[in-house]
Amino acid sequence: MKKRLKVLLVFDTPVPRPRDYTYVDEFQGMDWNTENHVYNALIENGHDVRMLGICKDLNILLEEIKESRPDVIFNLAEVFDSKASLDKNFVGFLEMLGIPYTGSSSKTLFLCNDKALHKKILRFHRIRVPRFHDFYRGHKVWLLKKLRLPLVVKPLADEASRGISQASVVDSEEALVARVKFIHEKMNMDAIAEEYIPGRELYVSLIGNKRIQVLPFREMKFGSNTSEEEPRIATYKAKWDKNYRKKWGLKNIFPGKLANGVQEELEEICKRAYRVLNMQCYARFDVRVTQRGRTFIIEANANPNLAKNDEISQSAEKAGISFNKLVQRILMLAFKRRY
């Protein structure tokens, strides 16, 4: 019999709402799929669930916990005060409360939010990543001799492919300087430039703490409408714009097993990276596999999206883990963990 837990489901909201707000209207929209899906799964799993939206005031959380302290917090907060970089700070606050929560620690979120820092750590542990360089605001921008064109230029500390478009792929020093300048000045962020890795784009999801399970891979298939000679990257539109995906024939599929031992090698590499970054509960790696079978970790994603139609949930379903079971497993991984 499942243990009935008092669960506080927390998520970010664009505007402040009172503690007893139900979010019935919001849950009807696509933008709230994750919160809606997880809430319903927790209820169907038999837990006592309260919801709390967090905008930029932590007092509402303190009041909630003081009056109804939960057994575990299911954390879906991706931003705080409209800033994605503050998700780690919010988790740090949860850690000070001493209540178990889902997902990775504030330290792991800090590492994963910095695209250069977590790549440096992975490279130290001999896990292959593209060659890269970080460009901080106020410093000189130039093409380093160690980098080979073309390069992909991204915001250093943003998520969900925000700031990534076809213009992010640069093939000259002039284009590199212009794109970094765009990120510095228009987005007010530091930038990273990394070598473009031609090959298949795979998404590897994992769940667990000490014992880690690798779920079936997902792959972004670039349609026949795109040229073989053009760099193929997962831009923001390629991930989130349905009309754009339809226009260019982009699909996310389950690939067949990778041949020549690449499948097993990639599973072990992702497990190693998961442990190296001290990830907890669940995570996803964005990976490139070249024609020669060389694997590169492009991004490490702690606390990825859990909506039913997103990668980790679909990979879990393929592995025979229903969405309700996935949510229950993540919840219990958090509850059994102590800080």
C-alpha atoms as a PDB file:
ATOM      1  CA  MET A   1       0.000   0.000   0.000  1.00  0.00           C
ATOM      2  CA  LYS A   2       1.335   3.437  -0.920  1.00  0.00           C
ATOM      3  CA  LYS A   3       2.220   5.782   1.890  1.00  0.00           C
ATOM      4  CA  ARG A   4      -0.112   8.786   1.921  1.00  0.00           C
ATOM      5  CA  LEU A   5       2.013  11.910   2.139  1.00  0.00           C
ATOM      6  CA  LYS A   6       1.316  15.565   2.700  1.00  0.00           C
ATOM      7  CA  VAL A   7       2.718  17.100  -0.476  1.00  0.00           C
ATOM      8  CA  LEU A   8       3.200  20.777  -1.197  1.00  0.00           C
ATOM      9  CA  LEU A   9       3.335  21.343  -4.962  1.00  0.00           C
ATOM     10  CA  VAL A  10       5.205  24.594  -5.624  1.00  0.00           C
ATOM     11  CA  PHE A  11       5.642  26.283  -8.990  1.00  0.00           C
ATOM     12  CA  ASP A  12       6.417  29.733 -10.349  1.00  0.00           C
ATOM     13  CA  THR A  13       3.679  32.199 -11.313  1.00  0.00           C
ATOM     14  CA  PRO A  14       3.982  35.422 -13.332  1.00  0.00           C
ATOM     15  CA  VAL A  15       1.803  37.341 -10.865  1.00  0.00           C
ATOM     16  CA  PRO A  16       1.280  36.921  -7.086  1.00  0.00           C
ATOM     17  CA  ARG A  17      -1.645  34.749  -6.033  1.00  0.00           C
ATOM     18  CA  PRO A  18      -3.063  34.044  -2.540  1.00  0.00           C
ATOM     19  CA  ARG A  19      -2.333  30.746  -0.819  1.00  0.00           C
ATOM     20  CA  ASP A  20      -5.814  29.349  -1.401  1.00  0.00           C
ATOM     21  CA  TYR A  21      -5.834  30.133  -5.125  1.00  0.00           C
ATOM     22  CA  THR A  22      -6.937  27.062  -7.113  1.00  0.00           C
ATOM     23  CA  TYR A  23      -5.379  27.733 -10.578  1.00  0.00           C
ATOM     24  CA  VAL A  24      -8.418  26.124 -12.233  1.00  0.00           C
ATOM     25  CA  ASP A  25      -8.441  28.600 -15.107  1.00  0.00           C
ATOM     26  CA  GLU A  26      -4.671  28.508 -15.626  1.00  0.00           C
ATOM     27  CA  PHE A  27      -4.615  24.711 -15.736  1.00  0.00           C
ATOM     28  CA  GLN A  28      -6.799  24.816 -18.839  1.00  0.00           C
ATOM     29  CA  GLY A  29      -3.951  26.350 -20.853  1.00  0.00           C
ATOM     30  CA  MET A  30      -1.027  24.596 -22.545  1.00  0.00           C
ATOM     31  CA  ASP A  31       1.512  26.722 -20.669  1.00  0.00           C
ATOM     32  CA  TRP A  32       0.443  25.060 -17.416  1.00  0.00           C
ATOM     33  CA  ASN A  33       0.571  21.437 -18.629  1.00  0.00           C
ATOM     34  CA  THR A  34       3.377  20.399 -16.287  1.00  0.00           C
ATOM     35  CA  GLU A  35       1.729  21.769 -13.141  1.00  0.00           C
ATOM     36  CA  ASN A  36      -1.648  20.337 -14.131  1.00  0.00           C
ATOM     37  CA  HIS A  37      -0.275  16.910 -15.029  1.00  0.00           C
ATOM     38  CA  VAL A  38       1.834  16.570 -11.872  1.00  0.00           C
ATOM     39  CA  TYR A  39      -0.977  17.791  -9.611  1.00  0.00           C
ATOM     40  CA  ASN A  40      -3.441  15.275 -11.036  1.00  0.00           C
ATOM     41  CA  ALA A  41      -0.869  12.465 -10.780  1.00  0.00           C
ATOM     42  CA  LEU A  42      -0.208  13.252  -7.114  1.00  0.00           C
ATOM     43  CA  ILE A  43      -3.948  13.225  -6.386  1.00  0.00           C
ATOM     44  CA  GLU A  44      -4.458   9.966  -8.285  1.00  0.00           C
ATOM     45  CA  ASN A  45      -1.560   8.462  -6.339  1.00  0.00           C
ATOM     46  CA  GLY A  46      -3.554   9.119  -3.160  1.00  0.00           C
ATOM     47  CA  HIS A  47      -1.574  11.964  -1.604  1.00  0.00           C
ATOM     48  CA  ASP A  48      -2.845  14.987   0.300  1.00  0.00           C
ATOM     49  CA  VAL A  49      -1.793  17.793  -2.040  1.00  0.00           C
ATOM     50  CA  ARG A  50      -1.714  21.547  -1.589  1.00  0.00           C
ATOM     51  CA  MET A  51      -0.633  23.953  -4.343  1.00  0.00           C
ATOM     52  CA  LEU A  52       1.363  27.124  -3.952  1.00  0.00           C
ATOM     53  CA  GLY A  53       2.408  29.548  -6.666  1.00  0.00           C
ATOM     54  CA  ILE A  54       5.604  31.512  -6.047  1.00  0.00           C
ATOM     55  CA  CYS A  55       6.203  34.838  -7.770  1.00  0.00           C
ATOM     56  CA  LYS A  56       8.743  36.928  -5.824  1.00  0.00           C
ATOM     57  CA  ASP A  57       7.631  36.768  -2.188  1.00  0.00           C
ATOM     58  CA  LEU A  58       8.902  33.915  -0.010  1.00  0.00           C
ATOM     59  CA  ASN A  59       6.722  34.900   2.948  1.00  0.00           C
ATOM     60  CA  ILE A  60       3.801  33.066   1.370  1.00  0.00           C
ATOM     61  CA  LEU A  61       5.855  29.857   1.475  1.00  0.00           C
ATOM     62  CA  LEU A  62       6.853  30.409   5.104  1.00  0.00           C
ATOM     63  CA  GLU A  63       3.218  30.998   6.060  1.00  0.00           C
ATOM     64  CA  GLU A  64       2.124  27.818   4.271  1.00  0.00           C
ATOM     65  CA  ILE A  65       4.760  25.683   5.971  1.00  0.00           C
ATOM     66  CA  LYS A  66       4.071  27.176   9.383  1.00  0.00           C
ATOM     67  CA  GLU A  67       0.381  26.346   9.166  1.00  0.00           C
ATOM     68  CA  SER A  68       0.613  23.052   7.272  1.00  0.00           C
ATOM     69  CA  ARG A  69       4.122  21.608   7.194  1.00  0.00           C
ATOM     70  CA  PRO A  70       4.357  19.073   4.352  1.00  0.00           C
ATOM     71  CA  ASP A  71       6.192  15.751   4.359  1.00  0.00           C
ATOM     72  CA  VAL A  72       7.774  16.618   1.025  1.00  0.00           C
ATOM     73  CA  ILE A  73       7.813  19.508  -1.451  1.00  0.00           C
ATOM     74  CA  PHE A  74       7.329  18.729  -5.137  1.00  0.00           C
ATOM     75  CA  ASN A  75       9.320  21.541  -6.716  1.00  0.00           C
ATOM     76  CA  LEU A  76       8.354  22.724 -10.209  1.00  0.00           C
ATOM     77  CA  ALA A  77       9.628  26.293  -9.788  1.00  0.00           C
ATOM     78  CA  GLU A  78      11.837  27.171 -12.756  1.00  0.00           C
ATOM     79  CA  VAL A  79      12.110  30.923 -12.183  1.00  0.00           C
ATOM     80  CA  PHE A  80      11.880  33.329  -9.271  1.00  0.00           C
ATOM     81  CA  ASP A  81      10.978  36.987  -9.778  1.00  0.00           C
ATOM     82  CA  SER A  82      11.042  36.314 -13.558  1.00  0.00           C
ATOM     83  CA  LYS A  83      14.704  35.244 -13.377  1.00  0.00           C
ATOM     84  CA  ALA A  84      15.585  31.675 -14.433  1.00  0.00           C
ATOM     85  CA  SER A  85      19.007  31.981 -12.786  1.00  0.00           C
ATOM     86  CA  LEU A  86      17.361  32.224  -9.353  1.00  0.00           C
ATOM     87  CA  ASP A  87      15.944  28.688  -9.421  1.00  0.00           C
ATOM     88  CA  LYS A  88      19.032  27.533  -7.499  1.00  0.00           C
ATOM     89  CA  ASN A  89      18.504  30.257  -4.896  1.00  0.00           C
ATOM     90  CA  PHE A  90      14.931  29.124  -4.390  1.00  0.00           C
ATOM     91  CA  VAL A  91      16.079  25.543  -3.878  1.00  0.00           C
ATOM     92  CA  GLY A  92      18.727  26.814  -1.444  1.00  0.00           C
ATOM     93  CA  PHE A  93      15.884  28.338   0.545  1.00  0.00           C
ATOM     94  CA  LEU A  94      14.063  24.996   0.539  1.00  0.00           C
ATOM     95  CA  GLU A  95      17.213  23.357   1.871  1.00  0.00           C
ATOM     96  CA  MET A  96      17.291  25.771   4.804  1.00  0.00           C
ATOM     97  CA  LEU A  97      13.736  24.757   5.687  1.00  0.00           C
ATOM     98  CA  GLY A  98      14.863  21.152   6.176  1.00  0.00           C
ATOM     99  CA  ILE A  99      11.973  19.654   4.200  1.00  0.00           C
ATOM    100  CA  PRO A 100      12.684  17.004   1.531  1.00  0.00           C
ATOM    101  CA  TYR A 101      12.073  18.289  -1.999  1.00  0.00           C
ATOM    102  CA  THR A 102      12.142  16.810  -5.481  1.00  0.00           C
ATOM    103  CA  GLY A 103      14.920  17.392  -7.963  1.00  0.00           C
ATOM    104  CA  SER A 104      18.574  18.297  -7.690  1.00  0.00           C
ATOM    105  CA  SER A 105      20.268  20.395  -5.027  1.00  0.00           C
ATOM    106  CA  SER A 106      21.049  24.103  -5.251  1.00  0.00           C
ATOM    107  CA  LYS A 107      24.704  23.222  -5.870  1.00  0.00           C
ATOM    108  CA  THR A 108      23.845  21.027  -8.857  1.00  0.00           C
ATOM    109  CA  LEU A 109      21.486  23.640 -10.284  1.00  0.00           C
ATOM    110  CA  PHE A 110      24.262  26.216  -9.950  1.00  0.00           C
ATOM    111  CA  LEU A 111      26.595  23.989 -11.965  1.00  0.00           C
ATOM    112  CA  CYS A 112      24.063  23.083 -14.647  1.00  0.00           C
ATOM    113  CA  ASN A 113      22.874  26.666 -15.096  1.00  0.00           C
ATOM    114  CA  ASP A 114      26.404  27.676 -16.081  1.00  0.00           C
ATOM    115  CA  LYS A 115      27.027  26.001 -19.441  1.00  0.00           C
ATOM    116  CA  ALA A 116      30.784  26.572 -19.261  1.00  0.00           C
ATOM    117  CA  LEU A 117      31.265  25.493 -15.657  1.00  0.00           C
ATOM    118  CA  HIS A 118      29.558  22.120 -15.935  1.00  0.00           C
ATOM    119  CA  LYS A 119      31.408  21.434 -19.197  1.00  0.00           C
ATOM    120  CA  LYS A 120      34.716  22.128 -17.447  1.00  0.00           C
ATOM    121  CA  ILE A 121      33.811  19.627 -14.728  1.00  0.00           C
ATOM    122  CA  LEU A 122      32.729  16.983 -17.228  1.00  0.00           C
ATOM    123  CA  ARG A 123      35.897  17.484 -19.264  1.00  0.00           C
ATOM    124  CA  PHE A 124      38.006  17.111 -16.099  1.00  0.00           C
ATOM    125  CA  HIS A 125      36.372  13.705 -15.625  1.00  0.00           C
ATOM    126  CA  ARG A 126      37.184  12.762 -19.237  1.00  0.00           C
ATOM    127  CA  ILE A 127      33.598  13.052 -20.427  1.00  0.00           C
ATOM    128  CA  ARG A 128      33.626  14.429 -23.954  1.00  0.00           C
ATOM    129  CA  VAL A 129      32.103  17.894 -24.559  1.00  0.00           C
ATOM    130  CA  PRO A 130      32.573  20.314 -27.489  1.00  0.00           C
ATOM    131  CA  ARG A 131      35.521  22.682 -27.261  1.00  0.00           C
ATOM    132  CA  PHE A 132      34.239  26.047 -26.042  1.00  0.00           C
ATOM    133  CA  HIS A 133      35.044  29.441 -24.608  1.00  0.00           C
ATOM    134  CA  ASP A 134      33.001  31.733 -22.365  1.00  0.00           C
ATOM    135  CA  PHE A 135      32.695  35.445 -23.148  1.00  0.00           C
ATOM    136  CA  TYR A 136      31.789  37.637 -20.194  1.00  0.00           C
ATOM    137  CA  ARG A 137      30.338  41.109 -20.573  1.00  0.00           C
ATOM    138  CA  GLY A 138      32.915  43.864 -20.549  1.00  0.00           C
ATOM    139  CA  HIS A 139      35.703  41.660 -21.935  1.00  0.00           C
ATOM    140  CA  LYS A 140      37.272  41.359 -25.372  1.00  0.00           C
ATOM    141  CA  VAL A 141      35.620  39.034 -27.884  1.00  0.00           C
ATOM    142  CA  TRP A 142      37.759  37.256 -30.484  1.00  0.00           C
ATOM    143  CA  LEU A 143      38.140  33.909 -32.233  1.00  0.00           C
ATOM    144  CA  LEU A 144      40.505  31.763 -30.192  1.00  0.00           C
ATOM    145  CA  LYS A 145      42.931  29.541 -32.072  1.00  0.00           C
ATOM    146  CA  LYS A 146      41.695  26.481 -30.169  1.00  0.00           C
ATOM    147  CA  LEU A 147      38.172  26.831 -31.623  1.00  0.00           C
ATOM    148  CA  ARG A 148      37.214  25.555 -35.057  1.00  0.00           C
ATOM    149  CA  LEU A 149      34.400  27.091 -37.062  1.00  0.00           C
ATOM    150  CA  PRO A 150      31.466  26.835 -37.234  1.00  0.00           C
ATOM    151  CA  LEU A 151      30.558  27.731 -33.636  1.00  0.00           C
ATOM    152  CA  VAL A 152      27.254  27.812 -31.780  1.00  0.00           C
ATOM    153  CA  VAL A 153      26.868  30.944 -29.627  1.00  0.00           C
ATOM    154  CA  LYS A 154      24.445  30.768 -26.682  1.00  0.00           C
ATOM    155  CA  PRO A 155      23.581  32.618 -23.496  1.00  0.00           C
ATOM    156  CA  LEU A 156      25.852  31.247 -20.787  1.00  0.00           C
ATOM    157  CA  ALA A 157      23.157  30.771 -18.160  1.00  0.00           C
ATOM    158  CA  ASP A 158      19.723  30.447 -19.729  1.00  0.00           C
ATOM    159  CA  GLU A 159      17.506  27.431 -20.288  1.00  0.00           C
ATOM    160  CA  ALA A 160      14.958  25.891 -22.679  1.00  0.00           C
ATOM    161  CA  SER A 161      17.034  27.031 -25.705  1.00  0.00           C
ATOM    162  CA  ARG A 162      16.098  30.676 -25.118  1.00  0.00           C
ATOM    163  CA  GLY A 163      18.366  32.908 -27.177  1.00  0.00           C
ATOM    164  CA  ILE A 164      19.235  30.114 -29.621  1.00  0.00           C
ATOM    165  CA  SER A 165      18.286  30.524 -33.292  1.00  0.00           C
ATOM    166  CA  GLN A 166      19.812  29.716 -36.662  1.00  0.00           C
ATOM    167  CA  ALA A 167      21.731  33.000 -36.257  1.00  0.00           C
ATOM    168  CA  SER A 168      23.486  31.358 -33.291  1.00  0.00           C
ATOM    169  CA  VAL A 169      25.573  29.300 -35.736  1.00  0.00           C
ATOM    170  CA  VAL A 170      28.501  31.455 -36.874  1.00  0.00           C
ATOM    171  CA  ASP A 171      31.185  30.681 -39.440  1.00  0.00           C
ATOM    172  CA  SER A 172      33.483  33.718 -39.159  1.00  0.00           C
ATOM    173  CA  GLU A 173      35.109  35.848 -36.476  1.00  0.00           C
ATOM    174  CA  GLU A 174      32.935  38.798 -37.500  1.00  0.00           C
ATOM    175  CA  ALA A 175      29.760  36.763 -37.033  1.00  0.00           C
ATOM    176  CA  LEU A 176      31.042  35.459 -33.680  1.00  0.00           C
ATOM    177  CA  VAL A 177      31.673  38.978 -32.383  1.00  0.00           C
ATOM    178  CA  ALA A 178      28.274  40.166 -33.613  1.00  0.00           C
ATOM    179  CA  ARG A 179      26.361  37.274 -31.991  1.00  0.00           C
ATOM    180  CA  VAL A 180      28.193  37.573 -28.665  1.00  0.00           C
ATOM    181  CA  LYS A 181      27.531  41.313 -28.728  1.00  0.00           C
ATOM    182  CA  PHE A 182      23.823  40.592 -29.325  1.00  0.00           C
ATOM    183  CA  ILE A 183      23.671  38.344 -26.246  1.00  0.00           C
ATOM    184  CA  HIS A 184      25.633  40.822 -24.130  1.00  0.00           C
ATOM    185  CA  GLU A 185      23.659  43.898 -25.115  1.00  0.00           C
ATOM    186  CA  LYS A 186      20.183  42.722 -26.119  1.00  0.00           C
ATOM    187  CA  MET A 187      19.787  39.860 -23.640  1.00  0.00           C
ATOM    188  CA  ASN A 188      22.028  41.343 -20.930  1.00  0.00           C
ATOM    189  CA  MET A 189      23.745  37.961 -20.441  1.00  0.00           C
ATOM    190  CA  ASP A 190      27.197  36.445 -20.697  1.00  0.00           C
ATOM    191  CA  ALA A 191      27.796  34.131 -23.655  1.00  0.00           C
ATOM    192  CA  ILE A 192      29.426  30.830 -24.536  1.00  0.00           C
ATOM    193  CA  ALA A 193      30.688  29.762 -27.961  1.00  0.00           C
ATOM    194  CA  GLU A 194      31.158  26.046 -28.578  1.00  0.00           C
ATOM    195  CA  GLU A 195      32.137  24.048 -31.621  1.00  0.00           C
ATOM    196  CA  TYR A 196      29.254  22.791 -33.707  1.00  0.00           C
ATOM    197  CA  ILE A 197      29.149  18.983 -33.601  1.00  0.00           C
ATOM    198  CA  PRO A 198      27.549  17.465 -36.715  1.00  0.00           C
ATOM    199  CA  GLY A 199      25.550  14.337 -36.045  1.00  0.00           C
ATOM    200  CA  ARG A 200      22.420  12.984 -34.424  1.00  0.00           C
ATOM    201  CA  GLU A 201      20.741  14.964 -31.640  1.00  0.00           C
ATOM    202  CA  LEU A 202      19.729  12.633 -28.798  1.00  0.00           C
ATOM    203  CA  TYR A 203      18.045  13.244 -25.440  1.00  0.00           C
ATOM    204  CA  VAL A 204      18.984  10.860 -22.645  1.00  0.00           C
ATOM    205  CA  SER A 205      16.763  10.907 -19.549  1.00  0.00           C
ATOM    206  CA  LEU A 206      17.697   9.306 -16.232  1.00  0.00           C
ATOM    207  CA  ILE A 207      15.958   8.783 -12.898  1.00  0.00           C
ATOM    208  CA  GLY A 208      17.344   7.748  -9.523  1.00  0.00           C
ATOM    209  CA  ASN A 209      19.660   8.719  -6.715  1.00  0.00           C
ATOM    210  CA  LYS A 210      22.197   6.037  -5.813  1.00  0.00           C
ATOM    211  CA  ARG A 211      20.755   3.577  -8.317  1.00  0.00           C
ATOM    212  CA  ILE A 212      20.300   5.247 -11.696  1.00  0.00           C
ATOM    213  CA  GLN A 213      18.039   4.069 -14.510  1.00  0.00           C
ATOM    214  CA  VAL A 214      18.666   5.230 -18.075  1.00  0.00           C
ATOM    215  CA  LEU A 215      15.406   5.573 -19.982  1.00  0.00           C
ATOM    216  CA  PRO A 216      14.976   4.929 -23.727  1.00  0.00           C
ATOM    217  CA  PHE A 217      16.626   7.630 -25.818  1.00  0.00           C
ATOM    218  CA  ARG A 218      14.709  10.252 -27.762  1.00  0.00           C
ATOM    219  CA  GLU A 219      15.991  11.856 -30.972  1.00  0.00           C
ATOM    220  CA  MET A 220      15.202  15.080 -32.786  1.00  0.00           C
ATOM    221  CA  LYS A 221      14.906  14.235 -36.462  1.00  0.00           C
ATOM    222  CA  PHE A 222      15.584  17.136 -38.781  1.00  0.00           C
ATOM    223  CA  GLY A 223      13.230  16.994 -41.747  1.00  0.00           C
ATOM    224  CA  SER A 224      14.028  16.602 -45.402  1.00  0.00           C
ATOM    225  CA  ASN A 225      13.139  20.279 -45.891  1.00  0.00           C
ATOM    226  CA  THR A 226      16.464  21.280 -44.343  1.00  0.00           C
ATOM    227  CA  SER A 227      19.725  21.118 -46.262  1.00  0.00           C
ATOM    228  CA  GLU A 228      22.297  18.494 -45.376  1.00  0.00           C
ATOM    229  CA  GLU A 229      24.989  21.160 -45.644  1.00  0.00           C
ATOM    230  CA  GLU A 230      23.363  23.505 -43.108  1.00  0.00           C
ATOM    231  CA  PRO A 231      24.142  23.162 -39.388  1.00  0.00           C
ATOM    232  CA  ARG A 232      21.245  21.505 -37.631  1.00  0.00           C
ATOM    233  CA  ILE A 233      20.648  22.651 -34.062  1.00  0.00           C
ATOM    234  CA  ALA A 234      17.738  22.546 -31.641  1.00  0.00           C
ATOM    235  CA  THR A 235      16.766  26.211 -31.655  1.00  0.00           C
ATOM    236  CA  TYR A 236      14.071  27.671 -29.430  1.00  0.00           C
ATOM    237  CA  LYS A 237      11.565  27.488 -32.295  1.00  0.00           C
ATOM    238  CA  ALA A 238      12.655  23.949 -33.180  1.00  0.00           C
ATOM    239  CA  LYS A 239      11.730  22.867 -29.655  1.00  0.00           C
ATOM    240  CA  TRP A 240       8.646  24.922 -28.861  1.00  0.00           C
ATOM    241  CA  ASP A 241       7.002  26.365 -32.008  1.00  0.00           C
ATOM    242  CA  LYS A 242       4.567  23.817 -33.475  1.00  0.00           C
ATOM    243  CA  ASN A 243       4.119  25.695 -36.754  1.00  0.00           C
ATOM    244  CA  TYR A 244       7.881  26.000 -37.217  1.00  0.00           C
ATOM    245  CA  ARG A 245       8.362  22.292 -36.499  1.00  0.00           C
ATOM    246  CA  LYS A 246       5.652  21.388 -39.013  1.00  0.00           C
ATOM    247  CA  LYS A 247       7.083  23.706 -41.676  1.00  0.00           C
ATOM    248  CA  TRP A 248      10.568  22.175 -41.468  1.00  0.00           C
ATOM    249  CA  GLY A 249       9.510  18.587 -40.793  1.00  0.00           C
ATOM    250  CA  LEU A 250      11.024  18.382 -37.298  1.00  0.00           C
ATOM    251  CA  LYS A 251      10.021  15.362 -35.210  1.00  0.00           C
ATOM    252  CA  ASN A 252      11.073  13.833 -31.914  1.00  0.00           C
ATOM    253  CA  ILE A 253      11.131  10.038 -32.112  1.00  0.00           C
ATOM    254  CA  PHE A 254      12.445   6.928 -30.423  1.00  0.00           C
ATOM    255  CA  PRO A 255      15.492   5.836 -32.456  1.00  0.00           C
ATOM    256  CA  GLY A 256      16.533   2.265 -32.937  1.00  0.00           C
ATOM    257  CA  LYS A 257      19.365   0.879 -30.853  1.00  0.00           C
ATOM    258  CA  LEU A 258      22.686   2.561 -31.608  1.00  0.00           C
ATOM    259  CA  ALA A 259      25.085   0.118 -33.242  1.00  0.00           C
ATOM    260  CA  ASN A 260      28.683  -0.913 -32.547  1.00  0.00           C
ATOM    261  CA  GLY A 261      28.438  -0.529 -28.780  1.00  0.00           C
ATOM    262  CA  VAL A 262      27.565   3.187 -28.930  1.00  0.00           C
ATOM    263  CA  GLN A 263      24.275   2.561 -27.096  1.00  0.00           C
ATOM    264  CA  GLU A 264      25.948   0.990 -24.072  1.00  0.00           C
ATOM    265  CA  GLU A 265      28.792   3.526 -24.084  1.00  0.00           C
ATOM    266  CA  LEU A 266      26.398   6.463 -24.124  1.00  0.00           C
ATOM    267  CA  GLU A 267      24.349   5.006 -21.267  1.00  0.00           C
ATOM    268  CA  GLU A 268      27.492   4.649 -19.131  1.00  0.00           C
ATOM    269  CA  ILE A 269      28.723   8.138 -20.050  1.00  0.00           C
ATOM    270  CA  CYS A 270      25.423   9.694 -18.994  1.00  0.00           C
ATOM    271  CA  LYS A 271      25.402   7.739 -15.734  1.00  0.00           C
ATOM    272  CA  ARG A 272      28.934   8.981 -15.004  1.00  0.00           C
ATOM    273  CA  ALA A 273      27.951  12.562 -15.809  1.00  0.00           C
ATOM    274  CA  TYR A 274      24.847  12.242 -13.597  1.00  0.00           C
ATOM    275  CA  ARG A 275      27.037  11.178 -10.668  1.00  0.00           C
ATOM    276  CA  VAL A 276      29.806  13.697 -11.387  1.00  0.00           C
ATOM    277  CA  LEU A 277      27.291  16.562 -11.239  1.00  0.00           C
ATOM    278  CA  ASN A 278      25.565  14.997  -8.201  1.00  0.00           C
ATOM    279  CA  MET A 279      22.178  14.999  -9.913  1.00  0.00           C
ATOM    280  CA  GLN A 280      19.198  13.738  -7.964  1.00  0.00           C
ATOM    281  CA  CYS A 281      15.744  12.306  -8.745  1.00  0.00           C
ATOM    282  CA  TYR A 282      15.718  12.956 -12.508  1.00  0.00           C
ATOM    283  CA  ALA A 283      17.693  14.705 -15.252  1.00  0.00           C
ATOM    284  CA  ARG A 284      18.260  14.835 -18.995  1.00  0.00           C
ATOM    285  CA  PHE A 285      21.356  15.176 -21.163  1.00  0.00           C
ATOM    286  CA  ASP A 286      21.318  16.642 -24.661  1.00  0.00           C
ATOM    287  CA  VAL A 287      23.847  14.657 -26.672  1.00  0.00           C
ATOM    288  CA  ARG A 288      25.371  14.629 -30.138  1.00  0.00           C
ATOM    289  CA  VAL A 289      26.573  11.405 -31.768  1.00  0.00           C
ATOM    290  CA  THR A 290      28.777  11.745 -34.848  1.00  0.00           C
ATOM    291  CA  GLN A 291      28.808   9.397 -37.842  1.00  0.00           C
ATOM    292  CA  ARG A 292      31.910   7.752 -36.352  1.00  0.00           C
ATOM    293  CA  GLY A 293      30.051   7.043 -33.117  1.00  0.00           C
ATOM    294  CA  ARG A 294      31.791   9.692 -30.980  1.00  0.00           C
ATOM    295  CA  THR A 295      29.504  11.078 -28.281  1.00  0.00           C
ATOM    296  CA  PHE A 296      29.470  14.645 -26.953  1.00  0.00           C
ATOM    297  CA  ILE A 297      27.370  15.977 -24.090  1.00  0.00           C
ATOM    298  CA  ILE A 298      25.972  19.309 -25.244  1.00  0.00           C
ATOM    299  CA  GLU A 299      23.852  20.235 -22.215  1.00  0.00           C
ATOM    300  CA  ALA A 300      23.196  18.876 -18.726  1.00  0.00           C
ATOM    301  CA  ASN A 301      19.623  19.564 -17.610  1.00  0.00           C
ATOM    302  CA  ALA A 302      18.758  19.187 -13.946  1.00  0.00           C
ATOM    303  CA  ASN A 303      15.023  19.194 -13.177  1.00  0.00           C
ATOM    304  CA  PRO A 304      13.863  19.053 -16.831  1.00  0.00           C
ATOM    305  CA  ASN A 305      10.243  19.551 -17.844  1.00  0.00           C
ATOM    306  CA  LEU A 306       7.902  16.829 -16.576  1.00  0.00           C
ATOM    307  CA  ALA A 307       4.848  17.437 -18.770  1.00  0.00           C
ATOM    308  CA  LYS A 308       3.365  14.271 -20.257  1.00  0.00           C
ATOM    309  CA  ASN A 309       4.355  15.333 -23.766  1.00  0.00           C
ATOM    310  CA  ASP A 310       7.985  16.115 -22.887  1.00  0.00           C
ATOM    311  CA  GLU A 311      11.056  13.926 -23.316  1.00  0.00           C
ATOM    312  CA  ILE A 312      11.498  12.358 -19.878  1.00  0.00           C
ATOM    313  CA  SER A 313       7.822  11.434 -19.486  1.00  0.00           C
ATOM    314  CA  GLN A 314       7.661   9.908 -22.957  1.00  0.00           C
ATOM    315  CA  SER A 315      10.894   7.996 -22.346  1.00  0.00           C
ATOM    316  CA  ALA A 316       9.486   6.686 -19.055  1.00  0.00           C
ATOM    317  CA  GLU A 317       6.292   5.578 -20.822  1.00  0.00           C
ATOM    318  CA  LYS A 318       8.399   3.718 -23.389  1.00  0.00           C
ATOM    319  CA  ALA A 319      10.151   1.950 -20.506  1.00  0.00           C
ATOM    320  CA  GLY A 320       6.800   0.838 -19.057  1.00  0.00           C
ATOM    321  CA  ILE A 321       6.611   3.551 -16.410  1.00  0.00           C
ATOM    322  CA  SER A 322       3.294   5.381 -16.562  1.00  0.00           C
ATOM    323  CA  PHE A 323       3.214   9.092 -15.826  1.00  0.00           C
ATOM    324  CA  ASN A 324       1.612   8.506 -12.419  1.00  0.00           C
ATOM    325  CA  LYS A 325       4.331   5.993 -11.558  1.00  0.00           C
ATOM    326  CA  LEU A 326       7.034   8.397 -12.723  1.00  0.00           C
ATOM    327  CA  VAL A 327       5.688  11.166 -10.482  1.00  0.00           C
ATOM    328  CA  GLN A 328       5.380   8.711  -7.588  1.00  0.00           C
ATOM    329  CA  ARG A 329       8.957   7.490  -8.059  1.00  0.00           C
ATOM    330  CA  ILE A 330      10.332  11.039  -8.128  1.00  0.00           C
ATOM    331  CA  LEU A 331       8.319  11.902  -5.025  1.00  0.00           C
ATOM    332  CA  MET A 332       9.609   8.894  -3.077  1.00  0.00           C
ATOM    333  CA  LEU A 333      13.205   9.495  -4.193  1.00  0.00           C
ATOM    334  CA  ALA A 334      12.886  12.928  -2.606  1.00  0.00           C
ATOM    335  CA  PHE A 335      11.069  11.746   0.523  1.00  0.00           C
ATOM    336  CA  LYS A 336      13.662   9.076   1.300  1.00  0.00           C
ATOM    337  CA  ARG A 337      16.489  11.583   0.888  1.00  0.00           C
ATOM    338  CA  ARG A 338      17.644  13.660   3.850  1.00  0.00           C
ATOM    339  CA  TYR A 339      19.618  16.869   3.798  1.00  0.00           C
END
